Protein backbone atom coordinates (compact mmCIF):
# COMPACT_ATOMS: atom_id res chain seq x y z
CA UNK A 1 0.00 0.00 0.00
CA UNK A 2 1.48 3.34 -0.98
CA UNK A 3 1.82 6.19 1.50
CA UNK A 4 -0.99 8.27 -0.01
CA UNK A 5 -3.45 5.37 0.24
CA UNK A 6 -2.35 4.57 3.78
CA UNK A 7 -2.68 8.24 4.74
CA UNK A 8 -6.21 8.37 3.28
CA UNK A 9 -7.32 5.19 5.07
CA UNK A 10 -5.84 6.15 8.42
CA UNK A 11 -7.18 9.71 8.21
CA UNK A 12 -10.63 8.40 7.28
CA UNK A 13 -10.54 6.08 10.32
CA UNK A 14 -9.42 8.92 12.58
CA UNK A 15 -12.17 11.21 11.30
CA UNK A 16 -14.79 8.49 11.89
CA UNK A 17 -13.50 8.12 15.45
CA UNK A 18 -13.76 11.90 15.84
CA UNK A 19 -17.38 11.82 14.67
CA UNK A 20 -18.14 9.02 17.14
CA UNK A 21 -16.43 11.00 19.94
CA UNK A 22 -13.98 8.15 20.51
CA UNK A 23 -10.90 10.06 19.33
CA UNK A 24 -8.55 11.52 21.89
CA UNK A 25 -9.21 15.25 22.31
CA UNK A 26 -5.43 15.69 22.21
CA UNK A 27 -5.09 14.59 18.60
CA UNK A 28 -2.88 17.11 16.77
CA UNK A 29 -5.46 17.66 14.01
CA UNK A 30 -8.58 17.95 16.17
CA UNK A 31 -9.13 21.64 15.36
CA UNK A 32 -8.87 20.95 11.64
CA UNK A 33 -11.33 18.07 11.94
CA UNK A 34 -13.79 20.41 13.66
CA UNK A 35 -13.45 22.80 10.69
CA UNK A 36 -14.00 19.93 8.24
CA UNK A 37 -17.10 18.75 10.11
CA UNK A 38 -18.47 22.31 10.17
CA UNK A 39 -18.06 22.51 6.39
CA UNK A 40 -19.83 19.15 5.98
CA UNK A 41 -22.72 20.31 8.17
CA UNK A 42 -23.11 23.60 6.33
CA UNK A 43 -22.91 21.81 2.97
CA UNK A 44 -25.66 19.37 3.99
CA UNK A 45 -27.90 22.20 5.18
CA UNK A 46 -27.35 24.20 2.00
CA UNK A 47 -28.04 21.16 -0.19
CA UNK A 48 -31.31 20.65 1.72
CA UNK A 49 -32.19 24.32 1.17
CA UNK A 50 -31.39 23.97 -2.52
CA UNK A 51 -33.57 20.88 -2.90
CA UNK A 52 -36.42 22.62 -1.05
CA UNK A 53 -36.07 25.70 -3.28
CA UNK A 54 -36.16 23.52 -6.41
CA UNK A 55 -39.15 21.52 -5.17
CA UNK A 56 -41.02 24.67 -4.19
CA UNK A 57 -40.33 26.23 -7.57
CA UNK A 58 -38.56 29.27 -6.18
CA UNK A 59 -37.23 31.96 -8.42
CA UNK A 60 -34.39 30.89 -10.63
CA UNK A 61 -32.12 33.54 -9.10
CA UNK A 62 -32.48 32.07 -5.61
CA UNK A 63 -31.74 28.57 -6.90
CA UNK A 64 -28.67 29.86 -8.75
CA UNK A 65 -27.43 31.55 -5.58
CA UNK A 66 -27.80 28.32 -3.62
CA UNK A 67 -26.00 26.38 -6.37
CA UNK A 68 -23.13 28.86 -6.09
CA UNK A 69 -22.97 28.42 -2.33
CA UNK A 70 -22.96 24.61 -2.69
CA UNK A 71 -20.11 24.80 -5.21
CA UNK A 72 -18.14 27.09 -2.90
CA UNK A 73 -18.66 24.75 0.05
CA UNK A 74 -17.63 21.75 -2.07
CA UNK A 75 -14.39 23.60 -2.84
CA UNK A 76 -13.85 24.40 0.83
CA UNK A 77 -14.48 20.75 1.72
CA UNK A 78 -11.87 19.54 -0.77
CA UNK A 79 -9.37 22.16 0.35
CA UNK A 80 -9.81 21.25 4.04
CA UNK A 81 -9.49 17.51 3.32
CA UNK A 82 -6.35 18.17 1.28
CA UNK A 83 -4.94 20.15 4.20
CA UNK A 84 -5.73 17.27 6.56
CA UNK A 85 -4.06 14.81 4.16
CA UNK A 86 -0.94 16.99 3.93
CA UNK A 87 -0.79 17.48 7.71
CA UNK A 88 -1.46 13.86 8.66
CA UNK A 89 1.57 11.83 9.69
CA UNK A 90 1.03 8.15 8.89
CA UNK A 91 1.15 5.93 11.97
CA UNK A 92 2.26 8.79 14.28
CA UNK A 93 -1.17 10.45 14.03
CA UNK A 94 -2.95 7.11 14.02
CA UNK A 95 -1.87 4.37 16.45
CA UNK A 96 -1.37 6.52 19.60
CA UNK A 97 -4.89 7.98 19.21
CA UNK A 98 -6.96 4.84 18.72
CA UNK A 99 -8.49 5.23 22.17
CA UNK A 100 -7.51 1.78 23.45
PDB file of N, CA and C in Angstrom:
ATOM      1  N   UNK A   1       0.853  -1.167   0.000  1.00  0.00           N
ATOM      2  CA  UNK A   1       0.000   0.000   0.000  1.00  0.00           C
ATOM      3  C   UNK A   1       0.904   1.237   0.000  1.00  0.00           C
ATOM      4  N   UNK A   2       0.646   2.154  -0.939  1.00  0.00           N
ATOM      5  CA  UNK A   2       1.484   3.343  -0.983  1.00  0.00           C
ATOM      6  C   UNK A   2       1.120   4.310   0.148  1.00  0.00           C
ATOM      7  N   UNK A   3       1.991   5.270   0.381  1.00  0.00           N
ATOM      8  CA  UNK A   3       1.819   6.191   1.503  1.00  0.00           C
ATOM      9  C   UNK A   3       0.546   7.010   1.388  1.00  0.00           C
ATOM     10  N   UNK A   4       0.208   7.457   0.178  1.00  0.00           N
ATOM     11  CA  UNK A   4      -0.993   8.271  -0.009  1.00  0.00           C
ATOM     12  C   UNK A   4      -2.242   7.479   0.350  1.00  0.00           C
ATOM     13  N   UNK A   5      -2.306   6.227  -0.068  1.00  0.00           N
ATOM     14  CA  UNK A   5      -3.453   5.375   0.235  1.00  0.00           C
ATOM     15  C   UNK A   5      -3.530   5.108   1.735  1.00  0.00           C
ATOM     16  N   UNK A   6      -2.376   4.826   2.342  1.00  0.00           N
ATOM     17  CA  UNK A   6      -2.348   4.566   3.778  1.00  0.00           C
ATOM     18  C   UNK A   6      -2.769   5.821   4.546  1.00  0.00           C
ATOM     19  N   UNK A   7      -2.299   6.976   4.111  1.00  0.00           N
ATOM     20  CA  UNK A   7      -2.685   8.242   4.741  1.00  0.00           C
ATOM     21  C   UNK A   7      -4.190   8.416   4.664  1.00  0.00           C
ATOM     22  N   UNK A   8      -4.766   8.208   3.477  1.00  0.00           N
ATOM     23  CA  UNK A   8      -6.207   8.368   3.285  1.00  0.00           C
ATOM     24  C   UNK A   8      -6.986   7.436   4.210  1.00  0.00           C
ATOM     25  N   UNK A   9      -6.597   6.164   4.253  1.00  0.00           N
ATOM     26  CA  UNK A   9      -7.320   5.189   5.067  1.00  0.00           C
ATOM     27  C   UNK A   9      -7.213   5.514   6.555  1.00  0.00           C
ATOM     28  N   UNK A  10      -6.011   5.843   7.004  1.00  0.00           N
ATOM     29  CA  UNK A  10      -5.839   6.153   8.419  1.00  0.00           C
ATOM     30  C   UNK A  10      -6.574   7.440   8.786  1.00  0.00           C
ATOM     31  N   UNK A  11      -6.490   8.455   7.934  1.00  0.00           N
ATOM     32  CA  UNK A  11      -7.181   9.714   8.212  1.00  0.00           C
ATOM     33  C   UNK A  11      -8.693   9.513   8.222  1.00  0.00           C
ATOM     34  N   UNK A  12      -9.196   8.706   7.315  1.00  0.00           N
ATOM     35  CA  UNK A  12     -10.626   8.400   7.283  1.00  0.00           C
ATOM     36  C   UNK A  12     -11.049   7.717   8.580  1.00  0.00           C
ATOM     37  N   UNK A  13     -10.250   6.753   9.051  1.00  0.00           N
ATOM     38  CA  UNK A  13     -10.543   6.083  10.320  1.00  0.00           C
ATOM     39  C   UNK A  13     -10.531   7.073  11.484  1.00  0.00           C
ATOM     40  N   UNK A  14      -9.540   7.938  11.505  1.00  0.00           N
ATOM     41  CA  UNK A  14      -9.417   8.918  12.582  1.00  0.00           C
ATOM     42  C   UNK A  14     -10.612   9.874  12.554  1.00  0.00           C
ATOM     43  N   UNK A  15     -11.035  10.299  11.377  1.00  0.00           N
ATOM     44  CA  UNK A  15     -12.172  11.205  11.297  1.00  0.00           C
ATOM     45  C   UNK A  15     -13.458  10.513  11.755  1.00  0.00           C
ATOM     46  N   UNK A  16     -13.625   9.242  11.412  1.00  0.00           N
ATOM     47  CA  UNK A  16     -14.794   8.487  11.889  1.00  0.00           C
ATOM     48  C   UNK A  16     -14.791   8.407  13.420  1.00  0.00           C
ATOM     49  N   UNK A  17     -13.599   8.164  13.995  1.00  0.00           N
ATOM     50  CA  UNK A  17     -13.504   8.122  15.451  1.00  0.00           C
ATOM     51  C   UNK A  17     -13.843   9.486  16.039  1.00  0.00           C
ATOM     52  N   UNK A  18     -13.419  10.547  15.382  1.00  0.00           N
ATOM     53  CA  UNK A  18     -13.757  11.901  15.835  1.00  0.00           C
ATOM     54  C   UNK A  18     -15.275  12.088  15.845  1.00  0.00           C
ATOM     55  N   UNK A  19     -15.925  11.675  14.772  1.00  0.00           N
ATOM     56  CA  UNK A  19     -17.380  11.824  14.675  1.00  0.00           C
ATOM     57  C   UNK A  19     -18.113  10.997  15.737  1.00  0.00           C
ATOM     58  N   UNK A  20     -17.531   9.882  16.124  1.00  0.00           N
ATOM     59  CA  UNK A  20     -18.138   9.016  17.138  1.00  0.00           C
ATOM     60  C   UNK A  20     -17.723   9.423  18.556  1.00  0.00           C
ATOM     61  N   UNK A  21     -16.945  10.486  18.654  1.00  0.00           N
ATOM     62  CA  UNK A  21     -16.430  10.996  19.941  1.00  0.00           C
ATOM     63  C   UNK A  21     -15.541   9.988  20.651  1.00  0.00           C
ATOM     64  N   UNK A  22     -14.887   9.116  19.896  1.00  0.00           N
ATOM     65  CA  UNK A  22     -13.979   8.151  20.508  1.00  0.00           C
ATOM     66  C   UNK A  22     -12.515   8.497  20.250  1.00  0.00           C
ATOM     67  N   UNK A  23     -12.270   9.621  19.608  1.00  0.00           N
ATOM     68  CA  UNK A  23     -10.901  10.061  19.329  1.00  0.00           C
ATOM     69  C   UNK A  23     -10.395  10.902  20.495  1.00  0.00           C
ATOM     70  N   UNK A  24      -9.155  10.722  20.825  1.00  0.00           N
ATOM     71  CA  UNK A  24      -8.545  11.516  21.889  1.00  0.00           C
ATOM     72  C   UNK A  24      -8.677  13.006  21.571  1.00  0.00           C
ATOM     73  N   UNK A  25      -9.100  13.810  22.547  1.00  0.00           N
ATOM     74  CA  UNK A  25      -9.210  15.249  22.311  1.00  0.00           C
ATOM     75  C   UNK A  25      -7.850  15.915  22.134  1.00  0.00           C
ATOM     76  N   UNK A  26      -6.787  15.159  22.352  1.00  0.00           N
ATOM     77  CA  UNK A  26      -5.426  15.693  22.205  1.00  0.00           C
ATOM     78  C   UNK A  26      -4.823  15.409  20.845  1.00  0.00           C
ATOM     79  N   UNK A  27      -5.610  14.864  19.941  1.00  0.00           N
ATOM     80  CA  UNK A  27      -5.091  14.587  18.603  1.00  0.00           C
ATOM     81  C   UNK A  27      -4.616  15.895  17.977  1.00  0.00           C
ATOM     82  N   UNK A  28      -3.449  15.877  17.328  1.00  0.00           N
ATOM     83  CA  UNK A  28      -2.878  17.115  16.769  1.00  0.00           C
ATOM     84  C   UNK A  28      -3.751  17.801  15.712  1.00  0.00           C
ATOM     85  N   UNK A  29      -4.643  17.072  15.082  1.00  0.00           N
ATOM     86  CA  UNK A  29      -5.458  17.658  14.012  1.00  0.00           C
ATOM     87  C   UNK A  29      -6.905  17.892  14.430  1.00  0.00           C
ATOM     88  N   UNK A  30      -7.186  17.862  15.714  1.00  0.00           N
ATOM     89  CA  UNK A  30      -8.575  17.953  16.174  1.00  0.00           C
ATOM     90  C   UNK A  30      -9.245  19.252  15.713  1.00  0.00           C
ATOM     91  N   UNK A  31      -8.541  20.364  15.772  1.00  0.00           N
ATOM     92  CA  UNK A  31      -9.133  21.642  15.355  1.00  0.00           C
ATOM     93  C   UNK A  31      -9.477  21.628  13.873  1.00  0.00           C
ATOM     94  N   UNK A  32      -8.624  21.016  13.081  1.00  0.00           N
ATOM     95  CA  UNK A  32      -8.866  20.951  11.637  1.00  0.00           C
ATOM     96  C   UNK A  32     -10.026  20.010  11.322  1.00  0.00           C
ATOM     97  N   UNK A  33     -10.194  18.972  12.139  1.00  0.00           N
ATOM     98  CA  UNK A  33     -11.327  18.068  11.942  1.00  0.00           C
ATOM     99  C   UNK A  33     -12.638  18.767  12.290  1.00  0.00           C
ATOM    100  N   UNK A  34     -12.604  19.625  13.303  1.00  0.00           N
ATOM    101  CA  UNK A  34     -13.789  20.409  13.656  1.00  0.00           C
ATOM    102  C   UNK A  34     -14.177  21.299  12.476  1.00  0.00           C
ATOM    103  N   UNK A  35     -13.187  21.947  11.860  1.00  0.00           N
ATOM    104  CA  UNK A  35     -13.450  22.802  10.693  1.00  0.00           C
ATOM    105  C   UNK A  35     -14.066  21.985   9.559  1.00  0.00           C
ATOM    106  N   UNK A  36     -13.506  20.789   9.315  1.00  0.00           N
ATOM    107  CA  UNK A  36     -14.000  19.932   8.241  1.00  0.00           C
ATOM    108  C   UNK A  36     -15.449  19.517   8.515  1.00  0.00           C
ATOM    109  N   UNK A  37     -15.734  19.150   9.761  1.00  0.00           N
ATOM    110  CA  UNK A  37     -17.097  18.750  10.113  1.00  0.00           C
ATOM    111  C   UNK A  37     -18.068  19.924   9.962  1.00  0.00           C
ATOM    112  N   UNK A  38     -17.631  21.122  10.334  1.00  0.00           N
ATOM    113  CA  UNK A  38     -18.473  22.311  10.166  1.00  0.00           C
ATOM    114  C   UNK A  38     -18.807  22.542   8.694  1.00  0.00           C
ATOM    115  N   UNK A  39     -17.829  22.354   7.838  1.00  0.00           N
ATOM    116  CA  UNK A  39     -18.055  22.508   6.395  1.00  0.00           C
ATOM    117  C   UNK A  39     -19.056  21.460   5.914  1.00  0.00           C
ATOM    118  N   UNK A  40     -18.894  20.212   6.369  1.00  0.00           N
ATOM    119  CA  UNK A  40     -19.826  19.147   5.978  1.00  0.00           C
ATOM    120  C   UNK A  40     -21.245  19.465   6.423  1.00  0.00           C
ATOM    121  N   UNK A  41     -21.387  19.966   7.648  1.00  0.00           N
ATOM    122  CA  UNK A  41     -22.715  20.310   8.167  1.00  0.00           C
ATOM    123  C   UNK A  41     -23.357  21.431   7.358  1.00  0.00           C
ATOM    124  N   UNK A  42     -22.577  22.469   7.097  1.00  0.00           N
ATOM    125  CA  UNK A  42     -23.107  23.599   6.325  1.00  0.00           C
ATOM    126  C   UNK A  42     -23.455  23.182   4.903  1.00  0.00           C
ATOM    127  N   UNK A  43     -22.636  22.316   4.321  1.00  0.00           N
ATOM    128  CA  UNK A  43     -22.907  21.812   2.975  1.00  0.00           C
ATOM    129  C   UNK A  43     -24.209  21.027   2.950  1.00  0.00           C
ATOM    130  N   UNK A  44     -24.422  20.168   3.930  1.00  0.00           N
ATOM    131  CA  UNK A  44     -25.656  19.367   3.990  1.00  0.00           C
ATOM    132  C   UNK A  44     -26.877  20.270   4.132  1.00  0.00           C
ATOM    133  N   UNK A  45     -26.779  21.271   4.988  1.00  0.00           N
ATOM    134  CA  UNK A  45     -27.902  22.199   5.178  1.00  0.00           C
ATOM    135  C   UNK A  45     -28.207  22.975   3.893  1.00  0.00           C
ATOM    136  N   UNK A  46     -27.160  23.427   3.222  1.00  0.00           N
ATOM    137  CA  UNK A  46     -27.349  24.202   2.000  1.00  0.00           C
ATOM    138  C   UNK A  46     -27.922  23.335   0.889  1.00  0.00           C
ATOM    139  N   UNK A  47     -27.483  22.074   0.814  1.00  0.00           N
ATOM    140  CA  UNK A  47     -28.040  21.161  -0.191  1.00  0.00           C
ATOM    141  C   UNK A  47     -29.523  20.904   0.086  1.00  0.00           C
ATOM    142  N   UNK A  48     -29.890  20.802   1.361  1.00  0.00           N
ATOM    143  CA  UNK A  48     -31.308  20.649   1.719  1.00  0.00           C
ATOM    144  C   UNK A  48     -32.101  21.882   1.294  1.00  0.00           C
ATOM    145  N   UNK A  49     -31.541  23.068   1.576  1.00  0.00           N
ATOM    146  CA  UNK A  49     -32.195  24.318   1.172  1.00  0.00           C
ATOM    147  C   UNK A  49     -32.368  24.384  -0.340  1.00  0.00           C
ATOM    148  N   UNK A  50     -31.343  23.956  -1.063  1.00  0.00           N
ATOM    149  CA  UNK A  50     -31.391  23.968  -2.522  1.00  0.00           C
ATOM    150  C   UNK A  50     -32.482  23.030  -3.026  1.00  0.00           C
ATOM    151  N   UNK A  51     -32.539  21.843  -2.469  1.00  0.00           N
ATOM    152  CA  UNK A  51     -33.568  20.883  -2.898  1.00  0.00           C
ATOM    153  C   UNK A  51     -34.954  21.422  -2.595  1.00  0.00           C
ATOM    154  N   UNK A  52     -35.128  22.030  -1.421  1.00  0.00           N
ATOM    155  CA  UNK A  52     -36.416  22.620  -1.048  1.00  0.00           C
ATOM    156  C   UNK A  52     -36.794  23.736  -2.014  1.00  0.00           C
ATOM    157  N   UNK A  53     -35.809  24.591  -2.359  1.00  0.00           N
ATOM    158  CA  UNK A  53     -36.071  25.702  -3.285  1.00  0.00           C
ATOM    159  C   UNK A  53     -36.465  25.175  -4.663  1.00  0.00           C
ATOM    160  N   UNK A  54     -35.809  24.109  -5.105  1.00  0.00           N
ATOM    161  CA  UNK A  54     -36.157  23.518  -6.409  1.00  0.00           C
ATOM    162  C   UNK A  54     -37.553  22.908  -6.375  1.00  0.00           C
ATOM    163  N   UNK A  55     -37.839  22.166  -5.303  1.00  0.00           N
ATOM    164  CA  UNK A  55     -39.148  21.517  -5.173  1.00  0.00           C
ATOM    165  C   UNK A  55     -40.280  22.536  -5.086  1.00  0.00           C
ATOM    166  N   UNK A  56     -40.014  23.629  -4.397  1.00  0.00           N
ATOM    167  CA  UNK A  56     -41.024  24.666  -4.194  1.00  0.00           C
ATOM    168  C   UNK A  56     -41.201  25.524  -5.443  1.00  0.00           C
ATOM    169  N   UNK A  57     -40.249  25.444  -6.353  1.00  0.00           N
ATOM    170  CA  UNK A  57     -40.329  26.233  -7.575  1.00  0.00           C
ATOM    171  C   UNK A  57     -39.955  27.686  -7.364  1.00  0.00           C
ATOM    172  N   UNK A  58     -39.005  27.905  -6.460  1.00  0.00           N
ATOM    173  CA  UNK A  58     -38.561  29.274  -6.182  1.00  0.00           C
ATOM    174  C   UNK A  58     -37.969  29.918  -7.424  1.00  0.00           C
ATOM    175  N   UNK A  59     -37.785  31.201  -7.297  1.00  0.00           N
ATOM    176  CA  UNK A  59     -37.235  31.959  -8.420  1.00  0.00           C
ATOM    177  C   UNK A  59     -35.877  31.389  -8.810  1.00  0.00           C
ATOM    178  N   UNK A  60     -35.624  31.435 -10.085  1.00  0.00           N
ATOM    179  CA  UNK A  60     -34.391  30.885 -10.633  1.00  0.00           C
ATOM    180  C   UNK A  60     -33.162  31.529 -10.003  1.00  0.00           C
ATOM    181  N   UNK A  61     -33.251  32.819  -9.685  1.00  0.00           N
ATOM    182  CA  UNK A  61     -32.115  33.535  -9.101  1.00  0.00           C
ATOM    183  C   UNK A  61     -31.736  32.954  -7.735  1.00  0.00           C
ATOM    184  N   UNK A  62     -32.745  32.637  -6.929  1.00  0.00           N
ATOM    185  CA  UNK A  62     -32.483  32.067  -5.606  1.00  0.00           C
ATOM    186  C   UNK A  62     -31.833  30.686  -5.735  1.00  0.00           C
ATOM    187  N   UNK A  63     -32.315  29.896  -6.668  1.00  0.00           N
ATOM    188  CA  UNK A  63     -31.741  28.567  -6.901  1.00  0.00           C
ATOM    189  C   UNK A  63     -30.291  28.703  -7.367  1.00  0.00           C
ATOM    190  N   UNK A  64     -30.029  29.640  -8.268  1.00  0.00           N
ATOM    191  CA  UNK A  64     -28.666  29.858  -8.754  1.00  0.00           C
ATOM    192  C   UNK A  64     -27.736  30.273  -7.619  1.00  0.00           C
ATOM    193  N   UNK A  65     -28.226  31.128  -6.728  1.00  0.00           N
ATOM    194  CA  UNK A  65     -27.426  31.555  -5.575  1.00  0.00           C
ATOM    195  C   UNK A  65     -27.074  30.373  -4.682  1.00  0.00           C
ATOM    196  N   UNK A  66     -28.048  29.500  -4.452  1.00  0.00           N
ATOM    197  CA  UNK A  66     -27.796  28.321  -3.619  1.00  0.00           C
ATOM    198  C   UNK A  66     -26.831  27.356  -4.305  1.00  0.00           C
ATOM    199  N   UNK A  67     -26.939  27.226  -5.620  1.00  0.00           N
ATOM    200  CA  UNK A  67     -26.000  26.377  -6.366  1.00  0.00           C
ATOM    201  C   UNK A  67     -24.584  26.922  -6.203  1.00  0.00           C
ATOM    202  N   UNK A  68     -24.438  28.237  -6.277  1.00  0.00           N
ATOM    203  CA  UNK A  68     -23.129  28.863  -6.090  1.00  0.00           C
ATOM    204  C   UNK A  68     -22.567  28.566  -4.709  1.00  0.00           C
ATOM    205  N   UNK A  69     -23.407  28.677  -3.701  1.00  0.00           N
ATOM    206  CA  UNK A  69     -22.970  28.417  -2.328  1.00  0.00           C
ATOM    207  C   UNK A  69     -22.546  26.954  -2.179  1.00  0.00           C
ATOM    208  N   UNK A  70     -23.306  26.036  -2.752  1.00  0.00           N
ATOM    209  CA  UNK A  70     -22.959  24.612  -2.690  1.00  0.00           C
ATOM    210  C   UNK A  70     -21.608  24.369  -3.359  1.00  0.00           C
ATOM    211  N   UNK A  71     -21.385  24.968  -4.511  1.00  0.00           N
ATOM    212  CA  UNK A  71     -20.107  24.799  -5.210  1.00  0.00           C
ATOM    213  C   UNK A  71     -18.955  25.353  -4.381  1.00  0.00           C
ATOM    214  N   UNK A  72     -19.178  26.500  -3.745  1.00  0.00           N
ATOM    215  CA  UNK A  72     -18.145  27.095  -2.898  1.00  0.00           C
ATOM    216  C   UNK A  72     -17.830  26.193  -1.704  1.00  0.00           C
ATOM    217  N   UNK A  73     -18.864  25.650  -1.094  1.00  0.00           N
ATOM    218  CA  UNK A  73     -18.664  24.752   0.046  1.00  0.00           C
ATOM    219  C   UNK A  73     -17.975  23.455  -0.367  1.00  0.00           C
ATOM    220  N   UNK A  74     -18.310  22.946  -1.553  1.00  0.00           N
ATOM    221  CA  UNK A  74     -17.626  21.748  -2.068  1.00  0.00           C
ATOM    222  C   UNK A  74     -16.127  22.021  -2.213  1.00  0.00           C
ATOM    223  N   UNK A  75     -15.793  23.215  -2.709  1.00  0.00           N
ATOM    224  CA  UNK A  75     -14.390  23.603  -2.844  1.00  0.00           C
ATOM    225  C   UNK A  75     -13.714  23.704  -1.487  1.00  0.00           C
ATOM    226  N   UNK A  76     -14.402  24.278  -0.519  1.00  0.00           N
ATOM    227  CA  UNK A  76     -13.848  24.395   0.830  1.00  0.00           C
ATOM    228  C   UNK A  76     -13.638  23.020   1.446  1.00  0.00           C
ATOM    229  N   UNK A  77     -14.577  22.114   1.201  1.00  0.00           N
ATOM    230  CA  UNK A  77     -14.478  20.749   1.721  1.00  0.00           C
ATOM    231  C   UNK A  77     -13.237  20.054   1.161  1.00  0.00           C
ATOM    232  N   UNK A  78     -13.047  20.163  -0.144  1.00  0.00           N
ATOM    233  CA  UNK A  78     -11.875  19.535  -0.772  1.00  0.00           C
ATOM    234  C   UNK A  78     -10.582  20.154  -0.270  1.00  0.00           C
ATOM    235  N   UNK A  79     -10.569  21.468  -0.127  1.00  0.00           N
ATOM    236  CA  UNK A  79      -9.371  22.162   0.351  1.00  0.00           C
ATOM    237  C   UNK A  79      -9.026  21.741   1.783  1.00  0.00           C
ATOM    238  N   UNK A  80     -10.045  21.638   2.642  1.00  0.00           N
ATOM    239  CA  UNK A  80      -9.809  21.249   4.037  1.00  0.00           C
ATOM    240  C   UNK A  80      -9.339  19.802   4.119  1.00  0.00           C
ATOM    241  N   UNK A  81      -9.924  18.914   3.311  1.00  0.00           N
ATOM    242  CA  UNK A  81      -9.494  17.507   3.322  1.00  0.00           C
ATOM    243  C   UNK A  81      -8.057  17.401   2.824  1.00  0.00           C
ATOM    244  N   UNK A  82      -7.724  18.166   1.797  1.00  0.00           N
ATOM    245  CA  UNK A  82      -6.352  18.170   1.275  1.00  0.00           C
ATOM    246  C   UNK A  82      -5.385  18.629   2.366  1.00  0.00           C
ATOM    247  N   UNK A  83      -5.781  19.672   3.117  1.00  0.00           N
ATOM    248  CA  UNK A  83      -4.935  20.153   4.204  1.00  0.00           C
ATOM    249  C   UNK A  83      -4.752  19.060   5.261  1.00  0.00           C
ATOM    250  N   UNK A  84      -5.838  18.365   5.599  1.00  0.00           N
ATOM    251  CA  UNK A  84      -5.733  17.267   6.561  1.00  0.00           C
ATOM    252  C   UNK A  84      -4.806  16.174   6.038  1.00  0.00           C
ATOM    253  N   UNK A  85      -4.926  15.836   4.765  1.00  0.00           N
ATOM    254  CA  UNK A  85      -4.064  14.810   4.157  1.00  0.00           C
ATOM    255  C   UNK A  85      -2.592  15.232   4.223  1.00  0.00           C
ATOM    256  N   UNK A  86      -2.324  16.500   3.923  1.00  0.00           N
ATOM    257  CA  UNK A  86      -0.939  16.990   3.931  1.00  0.00           C
ATOM    258  C   UNK A  86      -0.383  17.053   5.350  1.00  0.00           C
ATOM    259  N   UNK A  87      -1.232  17.321   6.330  1.00  0.00           N
ATOM    260  CA  UNK A  87      -0.789  17.479   7.710  1.00  0.00           C
ATOM    261  C   UNK A  87      -0.698  16.153   8.465  1.00  0.00           C
ATOM    262  N   UNK A  88      -1.385  15.149   7.975  1.00  0.00           N
ATOM    263  CA  UNK A  88      -1.461  13.864   8.663  1.00  0.00           C
ATOM    264  C   UNK A  88      -0.139  13.118   8.552  1.00  0.00           C
ATOM    265  N   UNK A  89       0.336  12.618   9.675  1.00  0.00           N
ATOM    266  CA  UNK A  89       1.566  11.826   9.685  1.00  0.00           C
ATOM    267  C   UNK A  89       1.163  10.369   9.879  1.00  0.00           C
ATOM    268  N   UNK A  90       1.401   9.560   8.855  1.00  0.00           N
ATOM    269  CA  UNK A  90       1.026   8.149   8.889  1.00  0.00           C
ATOM    270  C   UNK A  90       1.619   7.488  10.131  1.00  0.00           C
ATOM    271  N   UNK A  91       0.834   6.680  10.761  1.00  0.00           N
ATOM    272  CA  UNK A  91       1.152   5.928  11.974  1.00  0.00           C
ATOM    273  C   UNK A  91       1.304   6.835  13.199  1.00  0.00           C
ATOM    274  N   UNK A  92       2.061   7.915  13.116  1.00  0.00           N
ATOM    275  CA  UNK A  92       2.260   8.792  14.278  1.00  0.00           C
ATOM    276  C   UNK A  92       0.960   9.477  14.688  1.00  0.00           C
ATOM    277  N   UNK A  93       0.113   9.822  13.725  1.00  0.00           N
ATOM    278  CA  UNK A  93      -1.165  10.447  14.034  1.00  0.00           C
ATOM    279  C   UNK A  93      -2.292   9.421  14.061  1.00  0.00           C
ATOM    280  N   UNK A  94      -1.934   8.156  14.101  1.00  0.00           N
ATOM    281  CA  UNK A  94      -2.950   7.107  14.019  1.00  0.00           C
ATOM    282  C   UNK A  94      -2.920   6.203  15.265  1.00  0.00           C
ATOM    283  N   UNK A  95      -1.904   5.382  15.384  1.00  0.00           N
ATOM    284  CA  UNK A  95      -1.869   4.367  16.446  1.00  0.00           C
ATOM    285  C   UNK A  95      -1.975   4.930  17.865  1.00  0.00           C
ATOM    286  N   UNK A  96      -1.271   6.016  18.209  1.00  0.00           N
ATOM    287  CA  UNK A  96      -1.366   6.520  19.596  1.00  0.00           C
ATOM    288  C   UNK A  96      -2.758   7.092  19.950  1.00  0.00           C
ATOM    289  N   UNK A  97      -3.610   7.304  18.959  1.00  0.00           N
ATOM    290  CA  UNK A  97      -4.891   7.978  19.206  1.00  0.00           C
ATOM    291  C   UNK A  97      -6.109   7.068  18.984  1.00  0.00           C
ATOM    292  N   UNK A  98      -5.862   5.768  18.985  1.00  0.00           N
ATOM    293  CA  UNK A  98      -6.956   4.844  18.724  1.00  0.00           C
ATOM    294  C   UNK A  98      -7.920   4.708  19.896  1.00  0.00           C
ATOM    295  N   UNK A  99      -7.580   5.246  21.035  1.00  0.00           N
ATOM    296  CA  UNK A  99      -8.491   5.230  22.173  1.00  0.00           C
ATOM    297  C   UNK A  99      -8.590   3.882  22.852  1.00  0.00           C
ATOM    298  N   UNK A 100      -7.507   3.123  22.809  1.00  0.00           N
ATOM    299  CA  UNK A 100      -7.510   1.784  23.448  1.00  0.00           C
ATOM    300  C   UNK A 100      -7.708   1.886  24.942  1.00  0.00           C
TER     301      UNK A 100
END
